[in-house]
């Protein structure tokens, strides 16, 4: 029995990055031997065990063979005869196909260290094209390591393009796709994830609504970058720069989908794109079974982001409707995330990344004014039921009128 540290732990150590998760491969062992040493089995599809003390995962060396469509369409074979090199060759990228023993002696049969130095994301073998999930994984790694200068090797991008054209991407489950998408959006340069998917044709398969934004112009006076797709990537980049949570980043990616529906003869204006985009945002949300908090914020940002930009001009009645739409009384955090998404949208414009966004504080102040209306005095006056609701609304409107007057002086 020989035990090796493999994959990301080896890669990140060589890159000088913090090692968080450690994967182990066991060569020359049987399931019975692992159980005899106190390891606990957890793998349903292939033999994976938890270490009796550390709880880390140890997998028996295995080979795999394509047996069906999609990410799960593989047959695995684990036995003491499977070599370390055979286990490593089934991995996606050369930089993930290295191993080291307890003395940090490196096993690198597919030249992962060389590709680390060359800053290349390169596939290990032609079997790469058997697993459609690898398209998303490579794009995610491109986003993670873009700041270090990593790019996708042309031959790997070509295999990704073939996978995108093959129909295999459609066999991915919503859950697996969302796991990769959500992780990629939380990288330091999530816009690179979208760029790589677009470069290999996967974006138009997975998110045609986002792909349709590229080449669609916007008014140069408001959007110096002009192209709606380029703007979307800039907004996403700003969200990462400002350390926004996943909910905000997802909303930033989808906020302008309605502009992809504008007829060419109406370009570069996009009248009512906020409303038109809602059905597209719903479709993307449903396609990937997106978590509810991300779904809700994306829809609200899509519908109301231009309200956010025009906050200082809104009538008190419109401002109250906006606040009511977000249920700021019970869901204050969601309104904060809306404000953040609006600010990222405003900053995601060429040359305007550092411009101040006074609308943010104005909206926060409006929310505070509306929340300050006390219900108890209205109850004491005898209001109840629908009448109480109307009375609260009148008082909140009065508070917002006073707030607007004060803020404008």
Protein backbone atom coordinates (compact mmCIF):
# COMPACT_ATOMS: atom_id res chain seq x y z
CA UNK A 1 0.00 0.00 0.00
CA UNK A 2 1.36 3.40 -1.04
CA UNK A 3 -0.38 6.71 -0.28
CA UNK A 4 -0.01 9.89 -2.32
CA UNK A 5 -1.26 13.45 -2.04
CA UNK A 6 -2.79 14.38 -5.40
CA UNK A 7 -4.53 17.10 -7.37
CA UNK A 8 -5.18 20.59 -6.06
CA UNK A 9 -3.06 20.25 -2.92
CA UNK A 10 0.03 19.52 -5.01
CA UNK A 11 -0.80 22.18 -7.59
CA UNK A 12 -1.38 24.94 -5.04
CA UNK A 13 1.72 24.09 -3.01
CA UNK A 14 3.84 24.41 -6.15
CA UNK A 15 2.13 27.73 -6.93
CA UNK A 16 2.83 28.96 -3.42
CA UNK A 17 -0.88 29.29 -2.68
CA UNK A 18 -2.61 28.18 0.53
CA UNK A 19 -3.62 24.51 0.52
CA UNK A 20 -7.13 24.03 1.87
CA UNK A 21 -8.46 20.63 0.76
CA UNK A 22 -6.20 17.60 0.46
CA UNK A 23 -7.06 14.57 -1.69
CA UNK A 24 -5.28 11.28 -1.19
CA UNK A 25 -4.91 8.30 -3.51
CA UNK A 26 -4.08 4.83 -2.24
CA UNK A 27 -2.22 2.53 -4.63
CA UNK A 28 -1.91 -1.23 -4.17
CA UNK A 29 -4.69 -1.69 -1.61
CA UNK A 30 -8.04 -3.45 -1.45
CA UNK A 31 -11.27 -2.34 0.18
CA UNK A 32 -10.76 -5.03 2.82
CA UNK A 33 -7.32 -3.69 3.71
CA UNK A 34 -8.69 -0.16 4.08
CA UNK A 35 -11.48 -1.35 6.36
CA UNK A 36 -9.01 -3.37 8.43
CA UNK A 37 -7.03 -0.16 9.06
CA UNK A 38 -10.12 1.60 10.37
CA UNK A 39 -11.04 3.62 7.28
CA UNK A 40 -14.77 4.27 6.86
CA UNK A 41 -16.29 3.83 3.38
CA UNK A 42 -18.27 6.73 1.90
CA UNK A 43 -18.10 6.26 -1.88
CA UNK A 44 -21.27 5.09 -3.60
CA UNK A 45 -19.81 4.83 -7.13
CA UNK A 46 -16.19 3.97 -6.30
CA UNK A 47 -14.15 3.15 -3.20
CA UNK A 48 -13.59 6.32 -1.16
CA UNK A 49 -12.83 6.19 2.54
CA UNK A 50 -12.57 8.59 5.46
CA UNK A 51 -9.38 8.48 7.52
CA UNK A 52 -10.15 7.19 11.04
CA UNK A 53 -8.48 10.21 12.70
CA UNK A 54 -8.25 13.15 10.27
CA UNK A 55 -11.55 12.50 8.45
CA UNK A 56 -9.86 13.30 5.11
CA UNK A 57 -10.88 11.41 1.99
CA UNK A 58 -8.72 8.57 0.67
CA UNK A 59 -9.64 7.02 -2.69
CA UNK A 60 -8.36 3.77 -4.13
CA UNK A 61 -6.50 4.25 -7.41
CA UNK A 62 -8.95 3.66 -10.22
CA UNK A 63 -9.48 3.78 -13.96
CA UNK A 64 -12.64 4.89 -15.73
CA UNK A 65 -14.39 4.11 -18.99
CA UNK A 66 -17.09 6.08 -20.78
CA UNK A 67 -20.38 4.17 -20.64
CA UNK A 68 -23.08 6.79 -21.17
CA UNK A 69 -23.87 10.47 -21.60
CA UNK A 70 -22.99 13.29 -19.27
CA UNK A 71 -20.97 13.70 -16.13
CA UNK A 72 -22.19 10.44 -14.59
CA UNK A 73 -21.79 8.26 -17.67
CA UNK A 74 -18.67 6.40 -16.52
CA UNK A 75 -17.78 2.93 -15.29
CA UNK A 76 -15.01 2.84 -12.65
CA UNK A 77 -12.56 0.08 -11.89
CA UNK A 78 -10.49 0.03 -8.70
CA UNK A 79 -8.02 -2.72 -7.83
CA UNK A 80 -4.51 -3.10 -6.31
CA UNK A 81 -3.16 -3.45 -9.87
CA UNK A 82 -4.13 0.09 -10.93
CA UNK A 83 -0.98 2.23 -11.02
CA UNK A 84 -0.61 5.83 -9.91
CA UNK A 85 -0.01 6.89 -13.52
CA UNK A 86 -3.25 5.17 -14.60
CA UNK A 87 -5.15 6.99 -11.88
CA UNK A 88 -3.64 10.37 -12.79
CA UNK A 89 -4.34 10.07 -16.54
CA UNK A 90 -8.10 10.12 -15.95
CA UNK A 91 -7.88 13.63 -14.45
CA UNK A 92 -8.81 16.78 -16.33
CA UNK A 93 -5.77 19.06 -16.47
CA UNK A 94 -2.06 18.34 -16.29
CA UNK A 95 -1.70 20.75 -13.37
CA UNK A 96 -4.21 18.58 -11.48
CA UNK A 97 -2.52 15.29 -12.47
CA UNK A 98 0.49 15.43 -10.17
CA UNK A 99 1.13 13.47 -6.98
CA UNK A 100 3.63 13.52 -4.18
CA UNK A 101 4.56 11.07 -1.44
CA UNK A 102 5.13 11.86 2.22
CA UNK A 103 8.67 13.11 1.38
CA UNK A 104 7.26 15.56 -1.21
CA UNK A 105 8.80 13.54 -4.04
CA UNK A 106 6.84 14.60 -7.12
CA UNK A 107 5.26 12.18 -9.59
CA UNK A 108 4.46 14.15 -12.72
CA UNK A 109 3.99 11.84 -15.72
CA UNK A 110 1.99 14.34 -17.77
CA UNK A 111 4.19 17.43 -17.29
CA UNK A 112 1.91 19.39 -14.98
CA UNK A 113 4.83 21.27 -13.43
CA UNK A 114 5.97 22.41 -16.85
CA UNK A 115 2.47 23.72 -17.60
CA UNK A 116 2.37 25.45 -14.22
CA UNK A 117 5.51 27.33 -15.17
CA UNK A 118 4.12 28.07 -18.65
CA UNK A 119 0.83 29.21 -17.06
CA UNK A 120 -1.17 26.82 -19.25
CA UNK A 121 -4.39 24.94 -18.55
CA UNK A 122 -3.90 21.84 -20.69
CA UNK A 123 -5.87 18.58 -20.80
CA UNK A 124 -4.15 15.38 -19.72
CA UNK A 125 -5.44 13.04 -22.45
CA UNK A 126 -8.03 12.85 -25.25
CA UNK A 127 -10.37 11.30 -22.66
CA UNK A 128 -10.90 14.88 -21.51
CA UNK A 129 -13.64 15.19 -24.14
CA UNK A 130 -15.65 12.35 -22.57
CA UNK A 131 -16.76 14.48 -19.60
CA UNK A 132 -18.81 17.62 -20.38
CA UNK A 133 -18.42 18.94 -16.85
CA UNK A 134 -14.78 19.61 -17.65
CA UNK A 135 -15.79 22.51 -19.90
CA UNK A 136 -17.16 24.30 -16.84
CA UNK A 137 -14.27 23.21 -14.63
CA UNK A 138 -11.59 24.51 -17.00
CA UNK A 139 -13.42 27.82 -17.36
CA UNK A 140 -13.58 28.03 -13.56
CA UNK A 141 -9.86 27.33 -13.21
CA UNK A 142 -9.22 30.02 -15.85
CA UNK A 143 -11.13 32.48 -13.65
CA UNK A 144 -9.27 31.37 -10.53
CA UNK A 145 -5.78 31.68 -11.98
CA UNK A 146 -6.24 34.50 -14.48
CA UNK A 147 -4.44 36.90 -12.17
CA UNK A 148 -1.37 34.64 -12.35
CA UNK A 149 -1.41 34.78 -16.13
CA UNK A 150 -2.95 31.37 -16.85
CA UNK A 151 -4.69 30.77 -20.17
CA UNK A 152 -6.37 27.75 -21.73
CA UNK A 153 -4.13 25.84 -24.16
CA UNK A 154 -5.46 26.14 -27.75
CA UNK A 155 -5.75 22.37 -28.15
CA UNK A 156 -7.74 22.13 -24.92
CA UNK A 157 -10.02 24.95 -26.01
CA UNK A 158 -10.62 23.03 -29.22
CA UNK A 159 -11.70 19.92 -27.26
CA UNK A 160 -13.99 22.15 -25.20
CA UNK A 161 -15.44 23.50 -28.44
CA UNK A 162 -16.07 19.96 -29.69
CA UNK A 163 -17.81 19.10 -26.42
CA UNK A 164 -19.97 22.21 -26.71
CA UNK A 165 -20.98 21.22 -30.24
CA UNK A 166 -21.64 17.57 -29.36
CA UNK A 167 -24.78 18.04 -27.30
CA UNK A 168 -23.08 16.53 -24.24
CA UNK A 169 -23.44 19.75 -22.24
CA UNK A 170 -27.20 19.28 -22.26
CA UNK A 171 -26.73 16.01 -20.37
CA UNK A 172 -25.33 17.85 -17.34
CA UNK A 173 -27.69 17.96 -14.37
CA UNK A 174 -28.80 21.40 -13.14
CA UNK A 175 -27.20 20.67 -9.77
CA UNK A 176 -23.75 19.88 -11.19
CA UNK A 177 -23.86 22.87 -13.53
CA UNK A 178 -24.90 25.26 -10.77
CA UNK A 179 -22.19 23.96 -8.45
CA UNK A 180 -19.52 24.88 -11.01
CA UNK A 181 -21.18 28.17 -12.02
CA UNK A 182 -21.60 29.34 -8.42
CA UNK A 183 -18.02 28.44 -7.53
CA UNK A 184 -16.73 30.22 -10.64
CA UNK A 185 -18.72 33.37 -9.87
CA UNK A 186 -17.03 33.55 -6.48
CA UNK A 187 -13.52 33.54 -7.98
CA UNK A 188 -11.48 36.76 -8.14
CA UNK A 189 -12.07 37.18 -11.88
CA UNK A 190 -15.46 35.59 -12.63
CA UNK A 191 -15.75 37.45 -15.91
CA UNK A 192 -12.99 35.18 -17.27
CA UNK A 193 -15.26 32.18 -16.64
CA UNK A 194 -17.87 33.71 -18.95
CA UNK A 195 -15.24 34.69 -21.53
CA UNK A 196 -13.85 31.15 -21.73
CA UNK A 197 -17.32 29.62 -22.00
CA UNK A 198 -18.06 32.03 -24.83
CA UNK A 199 -14.75 31.30 -26.57
CA UNK A 200 -15.51 27.57 -26.77
CA UNK A 201 -19.20 27.94 -27.67
CA UNK A 202 -20.47 26.67 -24.32
CA UNK A 203 -22.09 29.95 -23.29
CA UNK A 204 -24.62 29.86 -26.13
CA UNK A 205 -25.52 26.30 -25.11
CA UNK A 206 -25.73 26.82 -21.35
CA UNK A 207 -26.84 30.47 -21.15
CA UNK A 208 -27.91 31.66 -24.62
CA UNK A 209 -29.59 34.64 -22.94
CA UNK A 210 -26.19 35.93 -21.76
CA UNK A 211 -24.45 35.03 -25.01
CA UNK A 212 -27.03 37.09 -26.94
CA UNK A 213 -25.84 40.29 -25.19
CA UNK A 214 -22.51 40.36 -27.04
CA UNK A 215 -22.66 42.58 -30.08
CA UNK A 216 -25.72 44.47 -28.82
CA UNK A 217 -24.91 48.23 -28.59
CA UNK A 218 -26.01 50.66 -25.87
CA UNK A 219 -26.08 54.48 -25.95
CA UNK A 220 -22.44 55.67 -25.78
CA UNK A 221 -23.41 58.63 -23.59
CA UNK A 222 -24.35 56.27 -20.77
CA UNK A 223 -22.17 53.30 -21.75
CA UNK A 224 -18.77 54.26 -23.17
CA UNK A 225 -18.01 50.53 -23.57
CA UNK A 226 -21.08 50.34 -25.88
CA UNK A 227 -21.32 46.52 -26.10
CA UNK A 228 -23.87 45.06 -23.64
CA UNK A 229 -21.91 41.82 -23.24
CA UNK A 230 -18.73 43.72 -22.42
CA UNK A 231 -20.69 45.81 -19.92
CA UNK A 232 -22.06 42.68 -18.22
CA UNK A 233 -18.54 41.30 -17.81
CA UNK A 234 -17.37 44.62 -16.35
CA UNK A 235 -20.24 44.64 -13.86
CA UNK A 236 -19.34 41.10 -12.81
CA UNK A 237 -15.70 42.12 -12.45
CA UNK A 238 -16.70 45.06 -10.24
CA UNK A 239 -18.80 42.73 -8.07
CA UNK A 240 -15.73 40.56 -7.51
CA UNK A 241 -13.47 43.55 -6.87
CA UNK A 242 -15.88 44.76 -4.21
CA UNK A 243 -16.17 41.28 -2.65
CA UNK A 244 -19.90 40.98 -3.24
CA UNK A 245 -21.74 37.77 -2.24
CA UNK A 246 -23.01 35.18 -4.70
CA UNK A 247 -26.53 36.64 -4.75
CA UNK A 248 -25.22 39.99 -6.00
CA UNK A 249 -22.85 38.43 -8.53
CA UNK A 250 -25.62 36.29 -10.00
CA UNK A 251 -27.90 39.33 -10.27
CA UNK A 252 -25.10 41.28 -11.96
CA UNK A 253 -24.68 38.56 -14.58
CA UNK A 254 -28.39 38.54 -15.47
CA UNK A 255 -29.49 42.15 -14.89
CA UNK A 256 -29.51 43.26 -18.54
CA UNK A 257 -30.85 40.14 -20.28
CA UNK A 258 -33.78 42.09 -21.69
CA UNK A 259 -31.43 44.06 -23.94
CA UNK A 260 -30.82 40.88 -25.92
CA UNK A 261 -34.47 41.01 -27.02
CA UNK A 262 -34.37 44.57 -28.40
CA UNK A 263 -35.02 44.64 -32.20
CA UNK A 264 -31.99 45.90 -34.13
CA UNK A 265 -33.96 48.82 -35.55
CA UNK A 266 -34.37 50.17 -32.00
CA UNK A 267 -30.65 49.98 -31.12
CA UNK A 268 -28.91 51.44 -29.20
CA UNK A 269 -31.96 52.27 -27.03
CA UNK A 270 -33.56 49.48 -24.99
CA UNK A 271 -37.02 50.60 -24.00
CA UNK A 272 -38.59 48.53 -21.18
CA UNK A 273 -35.68 46.10 -21.19
CA UNK A 274 -36.13 45.69 -17.44
CA UNK A 275 -39.59 44.16 -17.83
CA UNK A 276 -38.74 42.22 -20.99
CA UNK A 277 -35.81 40.56 -19.30
CA UNK A 278 -37.81 39.02 -16.46
CA UNK A 279 -38.94 35.97 -18.45
CA UNK A 280 -35.33 35.32 -19.48
CA UNK A 281 -34.06 35.65 -15.90
CA UNK A 282 -36.76 33.19 -14.79
CA UNK A 283 -35.73 30.75 -17.51
CA UNK A 284 -32.06 30.79 -16.48
CA UNK A 285 -33.00 30.46 -12.81
CA UNK A 286 -35.16 27.43 -13.54
CA UNK A 287 -32.63 25.82 -15.89
CA UNK A 288 -30.01 25.57 -13.16
CA UNK A 289 -32.38 25.21 -10.19
CA UNK A 290 -30.75 28.29 -8.68
CA UNK A 291 -31.18 28.79 -4.91
CA UNK A 292 -34.18 30.92 -3.98
CA UNK A 293 -32.19 33.90 -2.60
CA UNK A 294 -30.23 34.18 -5.85
CA UNK A 295 -33.38 33.79 -7.95
CA UNK A 296 -35.29 36.47 -6.08
CA UNK A 297 -32.53 39.05 -6.11
CA UNK A 298 -31.81 38.51 -9.82
CA UNK A 299 -35.46 39.14 -10.68
CA UNK A 300 -35.71 42.22 -8.47
CA UNK A 301 -32.47 43.71 -9.78
CA UNK A 302 -33.53 42.98 -13.36
CA UNK A 303 -36.83 44.80 -12.85
CA UNK A 304 -35.72 47.71 -10.70
CA UNK A 305 -32.05 48.51 -11.36
CA UNK A 306 -32.88 51.60 -13.41
CA UNK A 307 -35.05 52.77 -10.49
CA UNK A 308 -31.91 52.49 -8.39
CA UNK A 309 -29.95 54.66 -10.81
CA UNK A 310 -32.73 57.29 -10.87
CA UNK A 311 -33.32 57.13 -7.11
CA UNK A 312 -32.74 60.84 -6.54
CA UNK A 313 -35.36 61.70 -9.18
CA UNK A 314 -38.08 59.27 -8.05
CA UNK A 315 -41.35 60.62 -6.70
CA UNK A 316 -41.98 59.65 -3.07
CA UNK A 317 -44.86 57.39 -4.18
CA UNK A 318 -42.58 55.55 -6.64
CA UNK A 319 -39.89 55.29 -4.00
CA UNK A 320 -42.40 53.78 -1.59
CA UNK A 321 -43.47 51.21 -4.19
CA UNK A 322 -39.82 50.29 -4.69
CA UNK A 323 -39.27 49.79 -0.97
CA UNK A 324 -42.48 47.75 -0.68
CA UNK A 325 -41.37 45.50 -3.57
CA UNK A 326 -38.29 44.55 -1.59
CA UNK A 327 -40.18 44.03 1.69
CA UNK A 328 -37.54 46.15 3.42
CA UNK A 329 -39.28 45.77 6.76
CA UNK A 330 -38.73 42.02 6.99
CA UNK A 331 -35.93 41.58 4.42
CA UNK A 332 -33.50 44.50 4.95
CA UNK A 333 -30.48 42.54 3.70
CA UNK A 334 -32.07 41.92 0.32
CA UNK A 335 -32.46 45.68 -0.24
CA UNK A 336 -28.81 46.20 0.71
CA UNK A 337 -27.84 43.60 -1.91
CA UNK A 338 -30.02 45.38 -4.48
CA UNK A 339 -28.21 48.65 -3.76
CA UNK A 340 -24.88 46.85 -4.13
CA UNK A 341 -25.89 45.36 -7.51
CA UNK A 342 -27.01 48.80 -8.75
CA UNK A 343 -23.69 50.30 -7.70
CA UNK A 344 -21.76 47.54 -9.47
CA UNK A 345 -23.87 48.19 -12.59
CA UNK A 346 -23.00 51.88 -12.46
CA UNK A 347 -19.31 51.15 -11.93
CA UNK A 348 -19.18 48.52 -14.68
CA UNK A 349 -18.78 51.14 -17.37
CA UNK A 350 -15.58 52.03 -19.15
CA UNK A 351 -13.82 54.91 -17.42
CA UNK A 352 -16.49 55.23 -14.71
CA UNK A 353 -15.28 52.50 -12.36
CA UNK A 354 -14.29 54.97 -9.63
CA UNK A 355 -17.24 57.37 -9.94
CA UNK A 356 -19.20 57.88 -6.72
CA UNK A 357 -22.72 56.48 -6.43
CA UNK A 358 -24.75 58.84 -4.19
CA UNK A 359 -27.89 56.84 -4.96
CA UNK A 360 -26.69 54.18 -2.52
CA UNK A 361 -26.83 56.38 0.58
CA UNK A 362 -30.01 58.05 -0.64
CA UNK A 363 -31.77 54.69 -0.94
CA UNK A 364 -30.55 53.61 2.48
CA UNK A 365 -31.84 56.85 3.96
CA UNK A 366 -35.21 56.35 2.28
CA UNK A 367 -35.46 52.85 3.72
CA UNK A 368 -34.63 54.17 7.18
CA UNK A 369 -37.30 56.87 6.85
CA UNK A 370 -39.96 54.37 5.82
CA UNK A 371 -39.00 51.96 8.60
CA UNK A 372 -39.18 54.74 11.19
CA UNK A 373 -42.97 54.96 10.94
CA UNK A 374 -44.39 53.56 14.19
CA UNK A 375 -47.43 51.29 13.98
CA UNK A 376 -48.50 51.51 17.63
CA UNK A 377 -49.91 55.09 17.47
CA UNK A 378 -52.08 54.04 14.51
CA UNK A 379 -53.38 51.04 16.43
CA UNK A 380 -54.21 53.34 19.33
CA UNK A 381 -56.23 55.52 16.95
CA UNK A 382 -58.37 52.49 16.17
CA UNK A 383 -57.04 51.53 12.75
CA UNK A 384 -57.19 47.82 11.97
CA UNK A 385 -57.30 45.45 9.01
CA UNK A 386 -57.06 47.03 5.55
CA UNK A 387 -57.56 50.49 7.04
CA UNK A 388 -54.45 50.01 9.16
CA UNK A 389 -52.47 49.06 6.06
CA UNK A 390 -53.61 52.20 4.26
CA UNK A 391 -52.80 54.36 7.28
CA UNK A 392 -49.29 52.90 7.52
CA UNK A 393 -48.80 53.52 3.81
CA UNK A 394 -49.92 57.18 4.17
CA UNK A 395 -47.52 57.74 7.07
CA UNK A 396 -44.63 56.13 5.20
CA UNK A 397 -45.36 58.29 2.16
CA UNK A 398 -45.39 61.36 4.39
CA UNK A 399 -42.04 60.30 5.89
CA UNK A 400 -40.54 59.83 2.41
CA UNK A 401 -41.78 63.26 1.26
CA UNK A 402 -40.09 64.84 4.29
CA UNK A 403 -36.94 62.80 3.62
CA UNK A 404 -36.80 63.87 -0.03
CA UNK A 405 -37.21 67.54 0.89
CA UNK A 406 -34.47 67.31 3.49
CA UNK A 407 -32.10 65.42 1.18
CA UNK A 408 -32.55 67.93 -1.65
CA UNK A 409 -31.68 70.97 0.48
